[in-house]
Amino acid sequence: MYMSDSTQDGNTPGAASAAAETEYEVPEPTIFENAYQVSIDYVEKHNILQIFQEITEKLVYSKPDDPLQFILMEVQSMIDARQAEMERISEENKDV
């Protein structure tokens, strides 16, 4: 608990000091997670390394003239495949 300096040292000049006295709870310090571990967890959760590895393997094998366009097309292909899988699962759940 915190009290103003004037009340802590015993100098209380009447009602004015009672109004000036401030009491409040000091909040507990926020504990932050280890940023490195949070990053590792994210990469593992979303299979980021596997995604980059797959794209890189295809890129090196294909050796396209425009690597950025190739990467873009691969990412779009992965997004389309994921969307199709989600739609297939949704349709299966409707049939049940």
N, C-alpha and C. Protein backbone atom coordinates (compact mmCIF):
# COMPACT_ATOMS: atom_id res chain seq x y z
N MET A 1 0.85 -1.17 0.00
CA MET A 1 0.00 0.00 0.00
C MET A 1 0.89 1.22 0.00
N TYR A 2 0.52 2.26 -0.75
CA TYR A 2 1.30 3.49 -0.86
C TYR A 2 0.58 4.60 -0.13
N MET A 3 1.35 5.39 0.62
CA MET A 3 0.80 6.59 1.26
C MET A 3 1.71 7.74 0.88
N SER A 4 1.14 8.92 0.76
CA SER A 4 1.95 10.07 0.36
C SER A 4 3.04 10.34 1.38
N ASP A 5 4.10 11.05 0.97
CA ASP A 5 5.24 11.32 1.85
C ASP A 5 4.84 12.10 3.09
N SER A 6 3.89 13.00 2.97
CA SER A 6 3.52 13.84 4.11
C SER A 6 2.91 13.01 5.23
N THR A 7 2.21 11.92 4.93
CA THR A 7 1.63 11.11 5.98
C THR A 7 2.60 10.06 6.48
N GLN A 8 3.56 9.67 5.67
CA GLN A 8 4.52 8.67 6.10
C GLN A 8 5.49 9.23 7.13
N ASP A 9 5.83 10.51 7.01
CA ASP A 9 6.79 11.06 7.97
C ASP A 9 6.13 11.69 9.18
N GLY A 10 4.79 11.57 9.30
CA GLY A 10 4.09 12.04 10.47
C GLY A 10 3.62 13.48 10.38
N ASN A 11 3.90 14.21 9.34
CA ASN A 11 3.44 15.59 9.17
C ASN A 11 2.02 15.59 8.64
N THR A 12 1.04 15.61 9.51
CA THR A 12 -0.37 15.59 9.10
C THR A 12 -1.04 16.87 9.56
N PRO A 13 -1.07 17.90 8.74
CA PRO A 13 -1.67 19.16 9.14
C PRO A 13 -3.18 19.18 8.95
N GLY A 14 -3.91 18.32 9.63
CA GLY A 14 -5.37 18.38 9.67
C GLY A 14 -6.07 17.68 8.53
N ALA A 15 -7.25 18.20 8.19
CA ALA A 15 -8.12 17.59 7.20
C ALA A 15 -7.53 17.64 5.80
N ALA A 16 -6.74 18.63 5.48
CA ALA A 16 -6.16 18.76 4.15
C ALA A 16 -5.26 17.58 3.86
N SER A 17 -4.51 17.14 4.87
CA SER A 17 -3.62 16.01 4.63
C SER A 17 -4.39 14.71 4.48
N ALA A 18 -5.53 14.58 5.15
CA ALA A 18 -6.34 13.37 5.01
C ALA A 18 -6.84 13.24 3.58
N ALA A 19 -7.21 14.35 2.97
CA ALA A 19 -7.67 14.33 1.58
C ALA A 19 -6.51 14.07 0.64
N ALA A 20 -5.32 14.55 1.01
CA ALA A 20 -4.16 14.37 0.14
C ALA A 20 -3.57 12.97 0.23
N GLU A 21 -3.90 12.26 1.31
CA GLU A 21 -3.38 10.90 1.48
C GLU A 21 -3.94 9.99 0.40
N THR A 22 -3.05 9.30 -0.28
CA THR A 22 -3.46 8.43 -1.37
C THR A 22 -3.06 7.01 -1.05
N GLU A 23 -4.03 6.12 -1.07
CA GLU A 23 -3.75 4.71 -0.85
C GLU A 23 -4.20 3.93 -2.08
N TYR A 24 -3.35 3.03 -2.56
CA TYR A 24 -3.72 2.18 -3.68
C TYR A 24 -2.85 0.94 -3.65
N GLU A 25 -3.33 -0.07 -4.30
CA GLU A 25 -2.59 -1.33 -4.39
C GLU A 25 -1.61 -1.25 -5.56
N VAL A 26 -0.41 -1.68 -5.32
CA VAL A 26 0.58 -1.74 -6.39
C VAL A 26 0.35 -3.04 -7.14
N PRO A 27 0.10 -2.95 -8.47
CA PRO A 27 -0.18 -4.18 -9.22
C PRO A 27 1.06 -5.07 -9.30
N GLU A 28 0.80 -6.37 -9.41
CA GLU A 28 1.89 -7.33 -9.58
C GLU A 28 2.56 -7.06 -10.93
N PRO A 29 3.86 -7.22 -11.01
CA PRO A 29 4.52 -7.01 -12.31
C PRO A 29 4.06 -8.04 -13.32
N THR A 30 3.93 -7.61 -14.56
CA THR A 30 3.52 -8.50 -15.63
C THR A 30 4.69 -9.40 -16.00
N ILE A 31 4.41 -10.67 -16.09
CA ILE A 31 5.44 -11.63 -16.47
C ILE A 31 5.25 -11.93 -17.95
N PHE A 32 6.26 -11.61 -18.73
CA PHE A 32 6.20 -11.84 -20.16
C PHE A 32 6.82 -13.19 -20.47
N GLU A 33 6.25 -13.86 -21.46
CA GLU A 33 6.81 -15.13 -21.89
C GLU A 33 8.12 -14.86 -22.62
N ASN A 34 8.95 -15.86 -22.66
CA ASN A 34 10.21 -15.78 -23.37
C ASN A 34 9.90 -15.60 -24.85
N ALA A 35 10.33 -14.49 -25.43
CA ALA A 35 10.02 -14.17 -26.83
C ALA A 35 10.54 -15.25 -27.78
N TYR A 36 11.70 -15.79 -27.49
CA TYR A 36 12.26 -16.84 -28.34
C TYR A 36 11.36 -18.06 -28.33
N GLN A 37 10.92 -18.47 -27.16
CA GLN A 37 10.07 -19.66 -27.05
C GLN A 37 8.71 -19.43 -27.70
N VAL A 38 8.17 -18.23 -27.57
CA VAL A 38 6.90 -17.89 -28.23
C VAL A 38 7.05 -18.02 -29.74
N SER A 39 8.19 -17.55 -30.27
CA SER A 39 8.44 -17.65 -31.71
C SER A 39 8.56 -19.09 -32.16
N ILE A 40 9.30 -19.89 -31.41
CA ILE A 40 9.46 -21.31 -31.72
C ILE A 40 8.11 -22.01 -31.71
N ASP A 41 7.31 -21.73 -30.70
CA ASP A 41 5.99 -22.35 -30.59
C ASP A 41 5.12 -22.00 -31.80
N TYR A 42 5.17 -20.75 -32.24
CA TYR A 42 4.39 -20.31 -33.40
C TYR A 42 4.84 -21.05 -34.66
N VAL A 43 6.15 -21.11 -34.87
CA VAL A 43 6.70 -21.78 -36.06
C VAL A 43 6.29 -23.25 -36.07
N GLU A 44 6.35 -23.90 -34.92
CA GLU A 44 5.97 -25.31 -34.84
C GLU A 44 4.48 -25.50 -35.04
N LYS A 45 3.68 -24.66 -34.41
CA LYS A 45 2.23 -24.78 -34.50
C LYS A 45 1.73 -24.67 -35.95
N HIS A 46 2.35 -23.78 -36.72
CA HIS A 46 1.89 -23.52 -38.08
C HIS A 46 2.74 -24.18 -39.16
N ASN A 47 3.64 -25.07 -38.74
CA ASN A 47 4.49 -25.83 -39.68
C ASN A 47 5.24 -24.93 -40.67
N ILE A 48 5.73 -23.81 -40.19
CA ILE A 48 6.39 -22.83 -41.04
C ILE A 48 7.63 -23.42 -41.71
N LEU A 49 8.45 -24.13 -40.97
CA LEU A 49 9.66 -24.70 -41.55
C LEU A 49 9.34 -25.68 -42.67
N GLN A 50 8.32 -26.51 -42.48
CA GLN A 50 7.94 -27.47 -43.51
C GLN A 50 7.43 -26.76 -44.77
N ILE A 51 6.68 -25.68 -44.57
CA ILE A 51 6.16 -24.93 -45.72
C ILE A 51 7.31 -24.36 -46.53
N PHE A 52 8.26 -23.72 -45.85
CA PHE A 52 9.41 -23.15 -46.57
C PHE A 52 10.28 -24.22 -47.20
N GLN A 53 10.42 -25.33 -46.52
CA GLN A 53 11.23 -26.41 -47.08
C GLN A 53 10.59 -26.94 -48.36
N GLU A 54 9.29 -27.16 -48.33
CA GLU A 54 8.60 -27.68 -49.52
C GLU A 54 8.71 -26.70 -50.69
N ILE A 55 8.48 -25.43 -50.44
CA ILE A 55 8.58 -24.43 -51.51
C ILE A 55 10.01 -24.35 -52.03
N THR A 56 10.98 -24.35 -51.13
CA THR A 56 12.38 -24.25 -51.55
C THR A 56 12.80 -25.45 -52.38
N GLU A 57 12.37 -26.65 -52.00
CA GLU A 57 12.70 -27.85 -52.78
C GLU A 57 12.13 -27.74 -54.19
N LYS A 58 10.89 -27.33 -54.30
CA LYS A 58 10.26 -27.19 -55.62
C LYS A 58 10.94 -26.09 -56.43
N LEU A 59 11.33 -25.01 -55.78
CA LEU A 59 11.99 -23.89 -56.44
C LEU A 59 13.34 -24.32 -57.02
N VAL A 60 14.13 -25.01 -56.22
CA VAL A 60 15.45 -25.44 -56.66
C VAL A 60 15.34 -26.49 -57.76
N TYR A 61 14.37 -27.37 -57.65
CA TYR A 61 14.18 -28.40 -58.67
C TYR A 61 13.72 -27.78 -59.99
N SER A 62 12.77 -26.84 -59.91
CA SER A 62 12.19 -26.26 -61.12
C SER A 62 13.06 -25.17 -61.74
N LYS A 63 13.80 -24.45 -60.93
CA LYS A 63 14.66 -23.35 -61.39
C LYS A 63 13.92 -22.40 -62.35
N PRO A 64 12.83 -21.82 -61.90
CA PRO A 64 12.06 -20.94 -62.79
C PRO A 64 12.80 -19.63 -63.06
N ASP A 65 12.48 -18.99 -64.18
CA ASP A 65 13.08 -17.71 -64.52
C ASP A 65 12.65 -16.60 -63.55
N ASP A 66 11.44 -16.72 -63.04
CA ASP A 66 10.92 -15.72 -62.10
C ASP A 66 10.62 -16.42 -60.76
N PRO A 67 11.61 -16.50 -59.88
CA PRO A 67 11.42 -17.24 -58.63
C PRO A 67 10.31 -16.67 -57.75
N LEU A 68 10.16 -15.34 -57.72
CA LEU A 68 9.11 -14.76 -56.88
C LEU A 68 7.72 -15.15 -57.37
N GLN A 69 7.54 -15.14 -58.67
CA GLN A 69 6.25 -15.56 -59.23
C GLN A 69 5.99 -17.03 -58.90
N PHE A 70 7.03 -17.84 -59.00
CA PHE A 70 6.92 -19.26 -58.68
C PHE A 70 6.50 -19.45 -57.22
N ILE A 71 7.17 -18.72 -56.32
CA ILE A 71 6.85 -18.81 -54.90
C ILE A 71 5.40 -18.39 -54.66
N LEU A 72 5.00 -17.29 -55.29
CA LEU A 72 3.63 -16.82 -55.16
C LEU A 72 2.63 -17.88 -55.60
N MET A 73 2.90 -18.51 -56.73
CA MET A 73 2.00 -19.55 -57.23
C MET A 73 1.95 -20.75 -56.29
N GLU A 74 3.09 -21.12 -55.72
CA GLU A 74 3.12 -22.24 -54.77
C GLU A 74 2.32 -21.92 -53.51
N VAL A 75 2.48 -20.72 -53.01
CA VAL A 75 1.72 -20.31 -51.82
C VAL A 75 0.23 -20.30 -52.14
N GLN A 76 -0.13 -19.76 -53.29
CA GLN A 76 -1.55 -19.75 -53.67
C GLN A 76 -2.09 -21.17 -53.81
N SER A 77 -1.28 -22.07 -54.35
CA SER A 77 -1.67 -23.46 -54.48
C SER A 77 -1.91 -24.09 -53.10
N MET A 78 -1.06 -23.77 -52.14
CA MET A 78 -1.23 -24.29 -50.78
C MET A 78 -2.50 -23.74 -50.13
N ILE A 79 -2.77 -22.46 -50.37
CA ILE A 79 -3.99 -21.85 -49.83
C ILE A 79 -5.22 -22.50 -50.44
N ASP A 80 -5.20 -22.71 -51.75
CA ASP A 80 -6.33 -23.35 -52.44
C ASP A 80 -6.55 -24.77 -51.92
N ALA A 81 -5.46 -25.52 -51.72
CA ALA A 81 -5.57 -26.90 -51.22
C ALA A 81 -6.15 -26.91 -49.81
N ARG A 82 -5.71 -25.97 -48.98
CA ARG A 82 -6.24 -25.89 -47.61
C ARG A 82 -7.73 -25.55 -47.64
N GLN A 83 -8.12 -24.61 -48.50
CA GLN A 83 -9.53 -24.23 -48.62
C GLN A 83 -10.37 -25.41 -49.09
N ALA A 84 -9.88 -26.15 -50.08
CA ALA A 84 -10.61 -27.31 -50.59
C ALA A 84 -10.77 -28.36 -49.49
N GLU A 85 -9.73 -28.57 -48.70
CA GLU A 85 -9.80 -29.53 -47.60
C GLU A 85 -10.83 -29.09 -46.56
N MET A 86 -10.86 -27.80 -46.25
CA MET A 86 -11.84 -27.29 -45.29
C MET A 86 -13.27 -27.46 -45.82
N GLU A 87 -13.45 -27.23 -47.11
CA GLU A 87 -14.78 -27.41 -47.71
C GLU A 87 -15.18 -28.87 -47.71
N ARG A 88 -14.23 -29.77 -48.00
CA ARG A 88 -14.52 -31.20 -47.98
C ARG A 88 -14.94 -31.65 -46.58
N ILE A 89 -14.23 -31.19 -45.58
CA ILE A 89 -14.55 -31.55 -44.20
C ILE A 89 -15.93 -31.00 -43.82
N SER A 90 -16.20 -29.79 -44.25
CA SER A 90 -17.49 -29.17 -43.96
C SER A 90 -18.62 -29.98 -44.59
N GLU A 91 -18.43 -30.43 -45.81
CA GLU A 91 -19.44 -31.24 -46.50
C GLU A 91 -19.63 -32.59 -45.79
N GLU A 92 -18.53 -33.19 -45.35
CA GLU A 92 -18.62 -34.47 -44.63
C GLU A 92 -19.41 -34.30 -43.35
N ASN A 93 -19.20 -33.18 -42.65
CA ASN A 93 -19.90 -32.95 -41.40
C ASN A 93 -21.39 -32.70 -41.62
N LYS A 94 -21.77 -32.17 -42.77
CA LYS A 94 -23.18 -31.95 -43.08
C LYS A 94 -23.89 -33.29 -43.30
N ASP A 95 -23.16 -34.26 -43.86
CA ASP A 95 -23.76 -35.56 -44.14
C ASP A 95 -23.98 -36.38 -42.89
N VAL A 96 -23.33 -36.05 -41.82
CA VAL A 96 -23.42 -36.86 -40.58
C VAL A 96 -24.60 -36.51 -39.77
